[in-house]
Amino acid sequence: MLSTLALVWGVKGHFYSKFTTTNDTIKDVNEKLKEIGCVVPGDIVINTGSMPLQKRIRTNMLKISVVE
């Protein structure tokens, strides 16, 4: 699925498997992206997901955040 996103939309997807609160997940993902050098402070990150997590439905949540 991640390679399809890159091929069709030109985005770089990353798999994340922890289950925690949405806000904690977004903070954790942004920190991990910073650690591996994909983003730097000041970059804008678009986080998407589906709620509730257990249903595994299509994306219905979007959060735009600025990397600190």
Protein backbone atom coordinates (compact mmCIF):
# COMPACT_ATOMS: atom_id res chain seq x y z
CA MET A 1 0.00 0.00 0.00
CA LEU A 2 2.78 2.45 0.85
CA SER A 3 4.50 1.93 -2.50
CA THR A 4 1.16 2.53 -4.25
CA LEU A 5 0.84 5.88 -2.47
CA ALA A 6 4.30 6.85 -3.69
CA LEU A 7 3.63 5.72 -7.25
CA VAL A 8 0.15 7.22 -7.65
CA TRP A 9 0.33 10.34 -5.48
CA GLY A 10 4.05 11.03 -5.20
CA VAL A 11 4.02 10.97 -1.41
CA LYS A 12 6.34 9.18 0.98
CA GLY A 13 4.30 7.01 3.34
CA HIS A 14 5.55 5.47 6.58
CA PHE A 15 3.99 2.53 8.42
CA TYR A 16 3.11 3.11 12.08
CA SER A 17 1.68 0.28 14.18
CA LYS A 18 1.39 1.64 17.74
CA PHE A 19 -2.11 2.12 19.15
CA THR A 20 -2.39 5.15 21.41
CA THR A 21 -4.26 8.45 21.43
CA THR A 22 -4.45 10.42 18.20
CA ASN A 23 -2.51 13.38 19.60
CA ASP A 24 0.24 11.15 21.02
CA THR A 25 0.48 9.27 17.72
CA ILE A 26 0.87 12.48 15.71
CA LYS A 27 3.56 13.78 18.09
CA ASP A 28 5.39 10.43 17.97
CA VAL A 29 5.23 10.19 14.17
CA ASN A 30 6.51 13.75 13.73
CA GLU A 31 9.39 13.05 16.12
CA LYS A 32 10.33 9.85 14.28
CA LEU A 33 10.25 11.68 10.93
CA LYS A 34 12.56 14.31 12.41
CA GLU A 35 14.93 11.62 13.76
CA ILE A 36 15.32 9.95 10.36
CA GLY A 37 15.82 13.27 8.59
CA CYS A 38 12.60 13.38 6.58
CA VAL A 39 11.52 16.68 8.16
CA VAL A 40 13.17 19.60 9.92
CA PRO A 41 11.71 22.14 12.35
CA GLY A 42 9.36 24.47 10.51
CA ASP A 43 8.23 21.85 7.96
CA ILE A 44 4.52 21.21 7.55
CA VAL A 45 3.33 17.62 7.99
CA ILE A 46 -0.08 16.29 6.97
CA ASN A 47 -1.16 13.36 9.15
CA THR A 48 -4.12 11.28 7.99
CA GLY A 49 -5.92 8.36 9.59
CA SER A 50 -9.20 6.61 10.18
CA MET A 51 -11.35 6.84 13.27
CA PRO A 52 -12.13 4.68 15.13
CA LEU A 53 -8.92 2.69 14.67
CA GLN A 54 -10.54 -0.70 15.28
CA LYS A 55 -12.86 -0.44 12.25
CA ARG A 56 -10.03 0.08 9.73
CA ILE A 57 -12.17 2.21 7.43
CA ARG A 58 -11.04 4.76 4.86
CA THR A 59 -9.31 7.97 5.90
CA ASN A 60 -11.69 10.30 7.71
CA MET A 61 -9.25 12.35 9.82
CA LEU A 62 -6.68 14.92 8.76
CA LYS A 63 -4.34 17.03 10.88
CA ILE A 64 -1.87 19.57 9.59
CA SER A 65 0.97 20.33 11.97
CA VAL A 66 4.21 22.28 11.95
CA VAL A 67 7.30 20.37 13.09
CA GLU A 68 8.82 21.89 16.24
